[in-house]
PDB file of N, CA and C in Angstrom:
ATOM      1  N   MET A   1       5.995  12.344   3.080  1.00  0.00           N
ATOM      2  CA  MET A   1       4.679  11.405   3.955  1.00  0.00           C
ATOM      3  C   MET A   1       4.042  12.199   3.845  1.00  0.00           C
ATOM      4  N   SER A   2       2.608  11.843   4.749  1.00  0.00           N
ATOM      5  CA  SER A   2       1.445  11.868   5.064  1.00  0.00           C
ATOM      6  C   SER A   2       1.296  12.376   6.794  1.00  0.00           C
ATOM      7  N   ARG A   3       0.783  13.085   7.058  1.00  0.00           N
ATOM      8  CA  ARG A   3       0.547  13.926   8.208  1.00  0.00           C
ATOM      9  C   ARG A   3      -0.098  12.681   8.900  1.00  0.00           C
ATOM     10  N   GLU A   4      -1.353  11.941   8.388  1.00  0.00           N
ATOM     11  CA  GLU A   4      -1.888  10.911   9.650  1.00  0.00           C
ATOM     12  C   GLU A   4      -1.147   9.725   9.300  1.00  0.00           C
ATOM     13  N   PRO A   5      -0.721   9.187  10.080  1.00  0.00           N
ATOM     14  CA  PRO A   5       0.404   7.601  10.823  1.00  0.00           C
ATOM     15  C   PRO A   5      -0.853   6.686  10.094  1.00  0.00           C
ATOM     16  N   ASN A   6       0.421   6.250   9.222  1.00  0.00           N
ATOM     17  CA  ASN A   6       0.114   5.059   8.591  1.00  0.00           C
ATOM     18  C   ASN A   6      -0.469   4.985   7.222  1.00  0.00           C
ATOM     19  N   VAL A   7      -0.607   5.951   6.468  1.00  0.00           N
ATOM     20  CA  VAL A   7      -1.460   6.503   5.529  1.00  0.00           C
ATOM     21  C   VAL A   7      -1.016   6.669   4.102  1.00  0.00           C
ATOM     22  N   ILE A   8      -1.226   6.135   3.310  1.00  0.00           N
ATOM     23  CA  ILE A   8       0.142   6.000   2.142  1.00  0.00           C
ATOM     24  C   ILE A   8      -0.589   6.527   0.943  1.00  0.00           C
ATOM     25  N   TYR A   9      -0.609   7.820   0.429  1.00  0.00           N
ATOM     26  CA  TYR A   9      -1.417   8.342  -0.513  1.00  0.00           C
ATOM     27  C   TYR A   9      -0.428   8.235  -1.923  1.00  0.00           C
ATOM     28  N   VAL A  10      -1.349   7.738  -2.643  1.00  0.00           N
ATOM     29  CA  VAL A  10      -0.950   6.523  -3.828  1.00  0.00           C
ATOM     30  C   VAL A  10      -0.851   7.835  -5.104  1.00  0.00           C
ATOM     31  N   GLY A  11       0.362   8.023  -5.759  1.00  0.00           N
ATOM     32  CA  GLY A  11       0.437   8.814  -7.187  1.00  0.00           C
ATOM     33  C   GLY A  11       0.628   8.626  -8.344  1.00  0.00           C
ATOM     34  N   LYS A  12       1.913   9.060  -8.518  1.00  0.00           N
ATOM     35  CA  LYS A  12       2.309   8.618 -10.429  1.00  0.00           C
ATOM     36  C   LYS A  12       3.483   7.591 -10.041  1.00  0.00           C
ATOM     37  N   LYS A  13       3.959   7.127  -8.881  1.00  0.00           N
ATOM     38  CA  LYS A  13       5.627   6.586  -8.706  1.00  0.00           C
ATOM     39  C   LYS A  13       5.413   4.375  -9.503  1.00  0.00           C
ATOM     40  N   ALA A  14       5.864   4.166  -9.423  1.00  0.00           N
ATOM     41  CA  ALA A  14       5.847   2.297  -9.518  1.00  0.00           C
ATOM     42  C   ALA A  14       4.998   2.138  -8.271  1.00  0.00           C
ATOM     43  N   PRO A  15       4.232   0.737  -9.126  1.00  0.00           N
ATOM     44  CA  PRO A  15       3.612  -0.220  -7.856  1.00  0.00           C
ATOM     45  C   PRO A  15       4.802  -0.723  -6.563  1.00  0.00           C
ATOM     46  N   MET A  16       5.560  -0.591  -7.101  1.00  0.00           N
ATOM     47  CA  MET A  16       6.866  -1.235  -6.040  1.00  0.00           C
ATOM     48  C   MET A  16       7.309  -0.304  -5.150  1.00  0.00           C
ATOM     49  N   ASP A  17       7.175   1.306  -5.420  1.00  0.00           N
ATOM     50  CA  ASP A  17       7.491   1.962  -4.601  1.00  0.00           C
ATOM     51  C   ASP A  17       6.415   1.993  -3.262  1.00  0.00           C
ATOM     52  N   TYR A  18       5.416   1.685  -3.659  1.00  0.00           N
ATOM     53  CA  TYR A  18       3.738   1.715  -2.822  1.00  0.00           C
ATOM     54  C   TYR A  18       4.495   0.486  -1.885  1.00  0.00           C
ATOM     55  N   VAL A  19       4.570  -0.276  -2.484  1.00  0.00           N
ATOM     56  CA  VAL A  19       4.999  -1.783  -2.059  1.00  0.00           C
ATOM     57  C   VAL A  19       6.056  -1.462  -0.279  1.00  0.00           C
ATOM     58  N   LEU A  20       6.938  -1.042  -1.173  1.00  0.00           N
ATOM     59  CA  LEU A  20       8.122  -1.014   0.132  1.00  0.00           C
ATOM     60  C   LEU A  20       7.264   0.372   1.176  1.00  0.00           C
ATOM     61  N   GLY A  21       6.435   1.037   0.431  1.00  0.00           N
ATOM     62  CA  GLY A  21       6.408   2.152   1.896  1.00  0.00           C
ATOM     63  C   GLY A  21       5.012   1.368   3.031  1.00  0.00           C
ATOM     64  N   ILE A  22       4.190   0.068   2.264  1.00  0.00           N
ATOM     65  CA  ILE A  22       3.388  -0.643   3.147  1.00  0.00           C
ATOM     66  C   ILE A  22       4.254  -1.569   3.829  1.00  0.00           C
ATOM     67  N   LEU A  23       5.153  -2.135   3.326  1.00  0.00           N
ATOM     68  CA  LEU A  23       6.370  -2.885   4.066  1.00  0.00           C
ATOM     69  C   LEU A  23       7.059  -2.389   5.071  1.00  0.00           C
ATOM     70  N   THR A  24       7.307  -0.764   4.793  1.00  0.00           N
ATOM     71  CA  THR A  24       8.116  -0.233   6.056  1.00  0.00           C
ATOM     72  C   THR A  24       6.541   0.253   7.066  1.00  0.00           C
ATOM     73  N   GLY A  25       5.123   0.609   6.672  1.00  0.00           N
ATOM     74  CA  GLY A  25       4.362   0.480   7.046  1.00  0.00           C
ATOM     75  C   GLY A  25       3.942  -0.066   8.616  1.00  0.00           C
ATOM     76  N   PHE A  26       4.477  -1.510   8.151  1.00  0.00           N
ATOM     77  CA  PHE A  26       4.185  -2.976   9.017  1.00  0.00           C
ATOM     78  C   PHE A  26       5.157  -2.827  10.122  1.00  0.00           C
ATOM     79  N   SER A  27       6.344  -3.094   9.632  1.00  0.00           N
ATOM     80  CA  SER A  27       7.917  -3.129  10.446  1.00  0.00           C
ATOM     81  C   SER A  27       8.231  -2.597  11.047  1.00  0.00           C
ATOM     82  N   GLY A  28       7.931  -0.691  10.538  1.00  0.00           N
ATOM     83  CA  GLY A  28       8.642  -0.038  11.662  1.00  0.00           C
ATOM     84  C   GLY A  28       7.900   0.405  12.465  1.00  0.00           C
ATOM     85  N   SER A  29       6.488   0.757  12.596  1.00  0.00           N
ATOM     86  CA  SER A  29       5.998   0.935  14.144  1.00  0.00           C
ATOM     87  C   SER A  29       5.065   0.066  14.511  1.00  0.00           C
ATOM     88  N   ASN A  30       5.174  -1.491  14.292  1.00  0.00           N
ATOM     89  CA  ASN A  30       4.442  -2.299  15.122  1.00  0.00           C
ATOM     90  C   ASN A  30       3.002  -1.741  14.757  1.00  0.00           C
ATOM     91  N   ALA A  31       2.881  -1.695  13.585  1.00  0.00           N
ATOM     92  CA  ALA A  31       1.242  -1.286  13.754  1.00  0.00           C
ATOM     93  C   ALA A  31       0.745  -2.096  12.894  1.00  0.00           C
ATOM     94  N   LYS A  32      -1.063  -2.366  13.158  1.00  0.00           N
ATOM     95  CA  LYS A  32      -1.931  -3.311  12.787  1.00  0.00           C
ATOM     96  C   LYS A  32      -2.094  -2.758  11.582  1.00  0.00           C
ATOM     97  N   GLU A  33      -2.348  -1.925  11.166  1.00  0.00           N
ATOM     98  CA  GLU A  33      -3.085  -1.266   9.824  1.00  0.00           C
ATOM     99  C   GLU A  33      -2.450  -0.216   8.969  1.00  0.00           C
ATOM    100  N   VAL A  34      -2.778   0.239   7.495  1.00  0.00           N
ATOM    101  CA  VAL A  34      -2.153   1.059   6.945  1.00  0.00           C
ATOM    102  C   VAL A  34      -3.346   0.970   5.561  1.00  0.00           C
ATOM    103  N   THR A  35      -2.934   2.269   5.478  1.00  0.00           N
ATOM    104  CA  THR A  35      -4.548   2.711   4.604  1.00  0.00           C
ATOM    105  C   THR A  35      -3.473   3.518   3.141  1.00  0.00           C
ATOM    106  N   LEU A  36      -4.216   2.787   1.871  1.00  0.00           N
ATOM    107  CA  LEU A  36      -3.312   3.723   0.922  1.00  0.00           C
ATOM    108  C   LEU A  36      -4.694   4.290   0.215  1.00  0.00           C
ATOM    109  N   LYS A  37      -4.319   5.755  -0.246  1.00  0.00           N
ATOM    110  CA  LYS A  37      -5.784   6.858  -0.661  1.00  0.00           C
ATOM    111  C   LYS A  37      -5.100   6.966  -2.075  1.00  0.00           C
ATOM    112  N   ALA A  38      -6.166   7.153  -3.032  1.00  0.00           N
ATOM    113  CA  ALA A  38      -5.535   7.648  -4.371  1.00  0.00           C
ATOM    114  C   ALA A  38      -6.847   7.322  -5.013  1.00  0.00           C
ATOM    115  N   ARG A  39      -6.546   8.605  -5.570  1.00  0.00           N
ATOM    116  CA  ARG A  39      -7.995   9.088  -6.582  1.00  0.00           C
ATOM    117  C   ARG A  39      -7.818   8.995  -7.979  1.00  0.00           C
ATOM    118  N   GLY A  40      -8.597   8.961  -9.254  1.00  0.00           N
ATOM    119  CA  GLY A  40      -8.345   8.672 -10.221  1.00  0.00           C
ATOM    120  C   GLY A  40      -7.532   7.876 -11.300  1.00  0.00           C
ATOM    121  N   GLN A  41      -6.783   8.118 -11.442  1.00  0.00           N
ATOM    122  CA  GLN A  41      -5.781   7.034 -12.775  1.00  0.00           C
ATOM    123  C   GLN A  41      -4.656   6.137 -11.759  1.00  0.00           C
ATOM    124  N   SER A  42      -5.130   6.815 -10.742  1.00  0.00           N
ATOM    125  CA  SER A  42      -3.427   6.435  -9.433  1.00  0.00           C
ATOM    126  C   SER A  42      -4.488   5.164  -8.676  1.00  0.00           C
ATOM    127  N   ILE A  43      -5.758   5.001  -8.944  1.00  0.00           N
ATOM    128  CA  ILE A  43      -6.512   3.985  -8.123  1.00  0.00           C
ATOM    129  C   ILE A  43      -5.894   2.903  -8.836  1.00  0.00           C
ATOM    130  N   THR A  44      -5.308   2.331 -10.016  1.00  0.00           N
ATOM    131  CA  THR A  44      -4.752   1.219 -10.233  1.00  0.00           C
ATOM    132  C   THR A  44      -3.850   0.851  -9.859  1.00  0.00           C
ATOM    133  N   THR A  45      -3.274   1.756  -9.580  1.00  0.00           N
ATOM    134  CA  THR A  45      -1.589   1.403  -8.936  1.00  0.00           C
ATOM    135  C   THR A  45      -1.723   0.983  -7.662  1.00  0.00           C
ATOM    136  N   ALA A  46      -2.571   1.691  -6.688  1.00  0.00           N
ATOM    137  CA  ALA A  46      -2.643   1.266  -5.084  1.00  0.00           C
ATOM    138  C   ALA A  46      -3.528  -0.236  -5.037  1.00  0.00           C
ATOM    139  N   VAL A  47      -4.288  -0.214  -6.285  1.00  0.00           N
ATOM    140  CA  VAL A  47      -4.739  -1.850  -6.496  1.00  0.00           C
ATOM    141  C   VAL A  47      -3.493  -2.681  -6.791  1.00  0.00           C
ATOM    142  N   ASP A  48      -2.600  -2.499  -7.261  1.00  0.00           N
ATOM    143  CA  ASP A  48      -1.190  -3.591  -7.949  1.00  0.00           C
ATOM    144  C   ASP A  48      -0.982  -3.672  -6.561  1.00  0.00           C
ATOM    145  N   ALA A  49      -0.445  -2.216  -6.409  1.00  0.00           N
ATOM    146  CA  ALA A  49       0.325  -2.691  -4.907  1.00  0.00           C
ATOM    147  C   ALA A  49      -0.048  -3.355  -4.135  1.00  0.00           C
ATOM    148  N   VAL A  50      -1.403  -3.364  -3.254  1.00  0.00           N
ATOM    149  CA  VAL A  50      -1.878  -3.940  -2.371  1.00  0.00           C
ATOM    150  C   VAL A  50      -1.693  -5.482  -2.778  1.00  0.00           C
ATOM    151  N   GLU A  51      -2.126  -6.232  -4.008  1.00  0.00           N
ATOM    152  CA  GLU A  51      -1.627  -7.124  -4.383  1.00  0.00           C
ATOM    153  C   GLU A  51      -0.536  -7.548  -4.095  1.00  0.00           C
ATOM    154  N   ILE A  52       0.344  -6.664  -5.060  1.00  0.00           N
ATOM    155  CA  ILE A  52       1.837  -7.756  -4.916  1.00  0.00           C
ATOM    156  C   ILE A  52       2.115  -7.656  -3.249  1.00  0.00           C
ATOM    157  N   THR A  53       1.816  -7.023  -1.990  1.00  0.00           N
ATOM    158  CA  THR A  53       2.461  -6.876  -1.322  1.00  0.00           C
ATOM    159  C   THR A  53       1.833  -8.152  -0.774  1.00  0.00           C
ATOM    160  N   ARG A  54       0.381  -8.598  -1.089  1.00  0.00           N
ATOM    161  CA  ARG A  54      -0.332  -9.524  -0.146  1.00  0.00           C
ATOM    162  C   ARG A  54       0.410 -11.112  -0.655  1.00  0.00           C
ATOM    163  N   HIS A  55       0.437 -11.296  -2.069  1.00  0.00           N
ATOM    164  CA  HIS A  55       0.923 -12.145  -2.470  1.00  0.00           C
ATOM    165  C   HIS A  55       2.517 -12.755  -2.474  1.00  0.00           C
ATOM    166  N   ARG A  56       2.994 -11.861  -2.741  1.00  0.00           N
ATOM    167  CA  ARG A  56       4.740 -12.053  -2.566  1.00  0.00           C
ATOM    168  C   ARG A  56       5.106 -11.266  -1.375  1.00  0.00           C
ATOM    169  N   PHE A  57       4.752 -10.937  -0.158  1.00  0.00           N
ATOM    170  CA  PHE A  57       5.591 -10.520   0.804  1.00  0.00           C
ATOM    171  C   PHE A  57       5.239 -11.254   2.059  1.00  0.00           C
ATOM    172  N   LEU A  58       3.476 -10.395   2.264  1.00  0.00           N
ATOM    173  CA  LEU A  58       2.894 -10.484   3.806  1.00  0.00           C
ATOM    174  C   LEU A  58       1.542 -10.983   3.425  1.00  0.00           C
ATOM    175  N   LYS A  59       1.649 -12.501   3.463  1.00  0.00           N
ATOM    176  CA  LYS A  59       0.856 -13.543   2.977  1.00  0.00           C
ATOM    177  C   LYS A  59      -0.162 -13.400   4.068  1.00  0.00           C
ATOM    178  N   ASP A  60       0.056 -12.701   5.487  1.00  0.00           N
ATOM    179  CA  ASP A  60      -1.045 -13.150   6.850  1.00  0.00           C
ATOM    180  C   ASP A  60      -1.442 -11.102   6.697  1.00  0.00           C
ATOM    181  N   LEU A  61      -1.609 -10.819   5.332  1.00  0.00           N
ATOM    182  CA  LEU A  61      -2.074  -9.474   5.265  1.00  0.00           C
ATOM    183  C   LEU A  61      -3.658  -9.851   4.560  1.00  0.00           C
ATOM    184  N   SER A  62      -4.577  -9.075   5.020  1.00  0.00           N
ATOM    185  CA  SER A  62      -5.651  -8.890   4.346  1.00  0.00           C
ATOM    186  C   SER A  62      -6.711  -7.475   4.112  1.00  0.00           C
ATOM    187  N   ILE A  63      -7.310  -7.411   3.750  1.00  0.00           N
ATOM    188  CA  ILE A  63      -8.456  -6.001   3.534  1.00  0.00           C
ATOM    189  C   ILE A  63      -9.061  -5.895   4.187  1.00  0.00           C
ATOM    190  N   GLY A  64      -8.845  -4.882   5.646  1.00  0.00           N
ATOM    191  CA  GLY A  64      -9.910  -4.702   6.060  1.00  0.00           C
ATOM    192  C   GLY A  64     -11.458  -4.393   5.423  1.00  0.00           C
ATOM    193  N   LYS A  65     -11.044  -2.995   4.904  1.00  0.00           N
ATOM    194  CA  LYS A  65     -11.998  -2.052   4.751  1.00  0.00           C
ATOM    195  C   LYS A  65     -11.457  -1.226   3.223  1.00  0.00           C
ATOM    196  N   ILE A  66     -12.331  -1.823   2.365  1.00  0.00           N
ATOM    197  CA  ILE A  66     -12.681  -0.253   1.186  1.00  0.00           C
ATOM    198  C   ILE A  66     -13.359   0.490   1.039  1.00  0.00           C
ATOM    199  N   ALA A  67     -13.188   1.916   1.205  1.00  0.00           N
ATOM    200  CA  ALA A  67     -14.353   2.781   0.608  1.00  0.00           C
ATOM    201  C   ALA A  67     -14.183   3.620  -0.621  1.00  0.00           C
ATOM    202  N   ILE A  68     -15.117   3.822  -1.517  1.00  0.00           N
ATOM    203  CA  ILE A  68     -14.794   4.044  -2.602  1.00  0.00           C
ATOM    204  C   ILE A  68     -15.546   5.980  -2.648  1.00  0.00           C
ATOM    205  N   GLY A  69     -15.349   6.484  -3.449  1.00  0.00           N
ATOM    206  CA  GLY A  69     -16.397   7.891  -3.523  1.00  0.00           C
ATOM    207  C   GLY A  69     -15.600   8.421  -4.584  1.00  0.00           C
ATOM    208  N   THR A  70     -16.040   9.611  -4.842  1.00  0.00           N
ATOM    209  CA  THR A  70     -16.076  10.997  -5.801  1.00  0.00           C
ATOM    210  C   THR A  70     -16.065  12.298  -5.245  1.00  0.00           C
ATOM    211  N   GLU A  71     -14.800  12.864  -5.857  1.00  0.00           N
ATOM    212  CA  GLU A  71     -14.522  14.308  -4.846  1.00  0.00           C
ATOM    213  C   GLU A  71     -14.690  14.897  -6.342  1.00  0.00           C
ATOM    214  N   GLU A  72     -14.646  16.376  -6.044  1.00  0.00           N
ATOM    215  CA  GLU A  72     -15.180  17.190  -6.843  1.00  0.00           C
ATOM    216  C   GLU A  72     -13.822  18.444  -6.905  1.00  0.00           C
ATOM    217  N   MET A  73     -13.256  18.212  -8.389  1.00  0.00           N
ATOM    218  CA  MET A  73     -11.618  18.833  -8.277  1.00  0.00           C
ATOM    219  C   MET A  73     -12.526  20.479  -8.798  1.00  0.00           C
ATOM    220  N   PRO A  74     -11.460  21.485  -9.026  1.00  0.00           N
ATOM    221  CA  PRO A  74     -11.644  22.407  -9.586  1.00  0.00           C
ATOM    222  C   PRO A  74     -11.867  22.112 -10.943  1.00  0.00           C
ATOM    223  N   PRO A  75     -12.149  23.195 -11.677  1.00  0.00           N
ATOM    224  CA  PRO A  75     -11.917  23.013 -13.409  1.00  0.00           C
ATOM    225  C   PRO A  75     -10.777  23.606 -13.961  1.00  0.00           C
ATOM    226  N   ARG A  76     -10.047  22.667 -14.577  1.00  0.00           N
ATOM    227  CA  ARG A  76      -8.644  23.203 -15.146  1.00  0.00           C
ATOM    228  C   ARG A  76      -9.198  24.204 -16.318  1.00  0.00           C
ATOM    229  N   GLU A  77      -7.520  24.943 -16.930  1.00  0.00           N
ATOM    230  CA  GLU A  77      -7.697  25.800 -17.478  1.00  0.00           C
ATOM    231  C   GLU A  77      -8.855  25.747 -18.865  1.00  0.00           C
ATOM    232  N   GLY A  78      -9.416  26.873 -18.752  1.00  0.00           N
ATOM    233  CA  GLY A  78     -10.233  26.743 -20.547  1.00  0.00           C
ATOM    234  C   GLY A  78     -11.695  25.556 -19.917  1.00  0.00           C
ATOM    235  N   GLU A  79     -11.519  25.320 -18.951  1.00  0.00           N
ATOM    236  CA  GLU A  79     -12.789  24.695 -18.626  1.00  0.00           C
ATOM    237  C   GLU A  79     -13.578  25.540 -17.823  1.00  0.00           C
ATOM    238  N   ASN A  80     -15.305  25.258 -17.616  1.00  0.00           N
ATOM    239  CA  ASN A  80     -16.018  26.075 -16.942  1.00  0.00           C
ATOM    240  C   ASN A  80     -16.743  25.417 -16.332  1.00  0.00           C
ATOM    241  N   ARG A  81     -16.672  23.967 -15.719  1.00  0.00           N
ATOM    242  CA  ARG A  81     -17.343  22.839 -15.098  1.00  0.00           C
ATOM    243  C   ARG A  81     -16.268  22.131 -13.889  1.00  0.00           C
ATOM    244  N   PRO A  82     -16.815  22.132 -13.108  1.00  0.00           N
ATOM    245  CA  PRO A  82     -16.229  20.964 -12.425  1.00  0.00           C
ATOM    246  C   PRO A  82     -15.513  20.111 -12.546  1.00  0.00           C
ATOM    247  N   ARG A  83     -14.562  19.375 -12.171  1.00  0.00           N
ATOM    248  CA  ARG A  83     -14.805  17.914 -12.892  1.00  0.00           C
ATOM    249  C   ARG A  83     -15.000  16.567 -11.537  1.00  0.00           C
ATOM    250  N   MET A  84     -15.671  15.636 -11.712  1.00  0.00           N
ATOM    251  CA  MET A  84     -15.428  14.966 -10.618  1.00  0.00           C
ATOM    252  C   MET A  84     -14.691  13.376 -10.752  1.00  0.00           C
ATOM    253  N   VAL A  85     -13.925  13.419  -9.742  1.00  0.00           N
ATOM    254  CA  VAL A  85     -12.706  12.578  -9.527  1.00  0.00           C
ATOM    255  C   VAL A  85     -12.697  11.218  -8.879  1.00  0.00           C
ATOM    256  N   SER A  86     -13.024  10.107  -9.239  1.00  0.00           N
ATOM    257  CA  SER A  86     -12.899   8.546  -8.445  1.00  0.00           C
ATOM    258  C   SER A  86     -11.868   8.769  -7.342  1.00  0.00           C
ATOM    259  N   THR A  87     -12.242   8.252  -6.653  1.00  0.00           N
ATOM    260  CA  THR A  87     -11.464   7.838  -4.837  1.00  0.00           C
ATOM    261  C   THR A  87     -11.677   6.672  -4.226  1.00  0.00           C
ATOM    262  N   ILE A  88      -9.738   6.073  -3.929  1.00  0.00           N
ATOM    263  CA  ILE A  88     -10.401   4.822  -2.929  1.00  0.00           C
ATOM    264  C   ILE A  88      -9.428   4.833  -1.985  1.00  0.00           C
ATOM    265  N   GLU A  89     -10.072   4.223  -0.743  1.00  0.00           N
ATOM    266  CA  GLU A  89      -8.998   4.070   0.494  1.00  0.00           C
ATOM    267  C   GLU A  89      -9.171   2.528   0.806  1.00  0.00           C
ATOM    268  N   ILE A  90      -8.233   2.077   0.558  1.00  0.00           N
ATOM    269  CA  ILE A  90      -7.424   0.458   1.207  1.00  0.00           C
ATOM    270  C   ILE A  90      -7.168   0.260   2.351  1.00  0.00           C
ATOM    271  N   THR A  91      -8.060  -0.260   3.180  1.00  0.00           N
ATOM    272  CA  THR A  91      -7.186  -0.426   4.668  1.00  0.00           C
ATOM    273  C   THR A  91      -6.698  -1.557   4.996  1.00  0.00           C
ATOM    274  N   LEU A  92      -5.488  -1.852   4.694  1.00  0.00           N
ATOM    275  CA  LEU A  92      -4.594  -3.359   5.063  1.00  0.00           C
ATOM    276  C   LEU A  92      -4.497  -3.584   6.525  1.00  0.00           C
ATOM    277  N   THR A  93      -5.164  -4.536   6.795  1.00  0.00           N
ATOM    278  CA  THR A  93      -4.815  -5.076   8.550  1.00  0.00           C
ATOM    279  C   THR A  93      -3.893  -6.210   8.355  1.00  0.00           C
ATOM    280  N   LYS A  94      -3.028  -6.563   9.325  1.00  0.00           N
ATOM    281  CA  LYS A  94      -1.908  -7.490   9.428  1.00  0.00           C
ATOM    282  C   LYS A  94      -2.609  -8.256  10.915  1.00  0.00           C
ATOM    283  N   GLU A  95      -2.741  -9.665  10.155  1.00  0.00           N
ATOM    284  CA  GLU A  95      -3.553 -10.720  11.073  1.00  0.00           C
ATOM    285  C   GLU A  95      -2.412 -11.354  12.199  1.00  0.00           C
ATOM    286  N   ALA A  96      -2.270 -11.023  13.107  1.00  0.00           N
ATOM    287  CA  ALA A  96      -1.373 -12.067  14.305  1.00  0.00           C
ATOM    288  C   ALA A  96      -1.648 -13.031  14.339  1.00  0.00           C
ATOM    289  N   LYS A  97      -0.673 -13.834  14.348  1.00  0.00           N
ATOM    290  CA  LYS A  97      -0.435 -15.051  14.704  1.00  0.00           C
ATOM    291  C   LYS A  97      -1.054 -15.516  16.246  1.00  0.00           C
ATOM    292  N   SER A  98      -1.985 -16.908  16.369  1.00  0.00           N
ATOM    293  CA  SER A  98      -2.077 -16.995  17.577  1.00  0.00           C
ATOM    294  C   SER A  98      -1.151 -18.194  18.681  1.00  0.00           C
ATOM    295  N   ASN A  99      -1.391 -18.047  19.874  1.00  0.00           N
ATOM    296  CA  ASN A  99       0.020 -18.709  20.168  1.00  0.00           C
ATOM    297  C   ASN A  99      -0.192 -20.210  20.006  1.00  0.00           C
ATOM    298  N   GLU A 100      -1.335 -20.767  19.618  1.00  0.00           N
ATOM    299  CA  GLU A 100      -1.582 -22.367  18.917  1.00  0.00           C
ATOM    300  C   GLU A 100      -0.579 -22.186  17.961  1.00  0.00           C
ATOM    301  N   GLU A 101      -0.739 -20.982  16.397  1.00  0.00           N
ATOM    302  CA  GLU A 101      -0.122 -21.231  15.205  1.00  0.00           C
ATOM    303  C   GLU A 101       1.501 -21.328  15.234  1.00  0.00           C
ATOM    304  N   ALA A 102       1.544 -20.430  16.214  1.00  0.00           N
ATOM    305  CA  ALA A 102       3.355 -20.141  16.348  1.00  0.00           C
ATOM    306  C   ALA A 102       3.919 -21.180  16.784  1.00  0.00           C
ATOM    307  N   LYS A 103       3.326 -22.087  18.005  1.00  0.00           N
ATOM    308  CA  LYS A 103       3.560 -23.054  18.476  1.00  0.00           C
ATOM    309  C   LYS A 103       3.651 -24.251  17.005  1.00  0.00           C
ATOM    310  N   ALA A 104       2.293 -24.252  16.227  1.00  0.00           N
ATOM    311  CA  ALA A 104       2.778 -25.588  15.380  1.00  0.00           C
ATOM    312  C   ALA A 104       3.674 -25.288  14.590  1.00  0.00           C
ATOM    313  N   THR A 105       3.830 -24.113  14.054  1.00  0.00           N
ATOM    314  CA  THR A 105       5.075 -23.170  12.967  1.00  0.00           C
ATOM    315  C   THR A 105       6.448 -23.983  13.558  1.00  0.00           C
ATOM    316  N   LYS A 106       6.105 -23.642  15.211  1.00  0.00           N
ATOM    317  CA  LYS A 106       7.704 -23.825  15.958  1.00  0.00           C
ATOM    318  C   LYS A 106       8.004 -25.045  15.557  1.00  0.00           C
ATOM    319  N   GLU A 107       6.814 -26.539  16.012  1.00  0.00           N
ATOM    320  CA  GLU A 107       7.293 -27.852  16.240  1.00  0.00           C
ATOM    321  C   GLU A 107       7.011 -28.208  14.614  1.00  0.00           C
ATOM    322  N   ASP A 108       6.695 -27.729  13.357  1.00  0.00           N
ATOM    323  CA  ASP A 108       6.671 -28.210  12.480  1.00  0.00           C
ATOM    324  C   ASP A 108       8.175 -28.111  12.002  1.00  0.00           C
ATOM    325  N   SER A 109       8.721 -27.189  12.110  1.00  0.00           N
ATOM    326  CA  SER A 109       9.973 -27.002  11.610  1.00  0.00           C
ATOM    327  C   SER A 109      11.175 -27.997  12.178  1.00  0.00           C
ATOM    328  N   SER A 110      10.757 -28.019  13.579  1.00  0.00           N
ATOM    329  CA  SER A 110      11.332 -29.208  14.534  1.00  0.00           C
ATOM    330  C   SER A 110      11.468 -30.632  14.025  1.00  0.00           C
ATOM    331  N   LEU A 111      10.579 -30.401  13.138  1.00  0.00           N
ATOM    332  CA  LEU A 111      10.322 -31.973  12.908  1.00  0.00           C
ATOM    333  C   LEU A 111      11.227 -32.425  11.550  1.00  0.00           C
ATOM    334  N   ILE A 112      11.924 -31.073  10.690  1.00  0.00           N
ATOM    335  CA  ILE A 112      12.522 -31.172   9.886  1.00  0.00           C
ATOM    336  C   ILE A 112      13.994 -31.976  10.138  1.00  0.00           C
ATOM    337  N   LYS A 113      14.413 -32.819   8.888  1.00  0.00           N
ATOM    338  CA  LYS A 113      15.379 -33.833   9.501  1.00  0.00           C
ATOM    339  C   LYS A 113      16.624 -32.757   9.360  1.00  0.00           C
ATOM    340  N   GLN A 114      17.840 -32.689   9.804  1.00  0.00           N
ATOM    341  CA  GLN A 114      18.657 -31.668   9.579  1.00  0.00           C
ATOM    342  C   GLN A 114      19.665 -33.009   9.450  1.00  0.00           C
ATOM    343  N   PRO A 115      20.357 -32.466   8.294  1.00  0.00           N
ATOM    344  CA  PRO A 115      21.914 -33.475   8.009  1.00  0.00           C
ATOM    345  C   PRO A 115      22.651 -33.869   8.737  1.00  0.00           C
ATOM    346  N   LYS A 116      22.988 -35.061   8.816  1.00  0.00           N
ATOM    347  CA  LYS A 116      23.976 -35.754   9.606  1.00  0.00           C
ATOM    348  C   LYS A 116      25.526 -35.005   8.964  1.00  0.00           C
ATOM    349  N   LYS A 117      26.038 -34.670  10.470  1.00  0.00           N
ATOM    350  CA  LYS A 117      27.646 -34.052  10.135  1.00  0.00           C
ATOM    351  C   LYS A 117      28.307 -34.338  10.210  1.00  0.00           C
ATOM    352  N   LYS A 118      29.671 -35.116   9.614  1.00  0.00           N
ATOM    353  CA  LYS A 118      30.224 -35.996   9.053  1.00  0.00           C
ATOM    354  C   LYS A 118      31.687 -35.883  10.078  1.00  0.00           C
TER     355      LYS A 118
END
């Protein structure tokens, strides 16, 4: 777990593990935004996790901000130059339903005919 609130660091786990982290971030603390941070080959996992969450689980989720950059990493053993590694930060925001939308949803559900009980 990160020290920063509602920040998820993406690594080598499966995308569904990070989807669970996103869902937990939004449901647990009444948060309005969650940020995923990834670098290098983990960037694709972060993007997959965001898209899975947006399309399968939280339809009212939107991408607030995407920041890309490059970090300088120390050289590996046997190398003499530092490496440059790509980074990404994806901030997800949950759109709150307005009172009118909530009323419309409630009215729509009341219009559905219930089967008569015998």
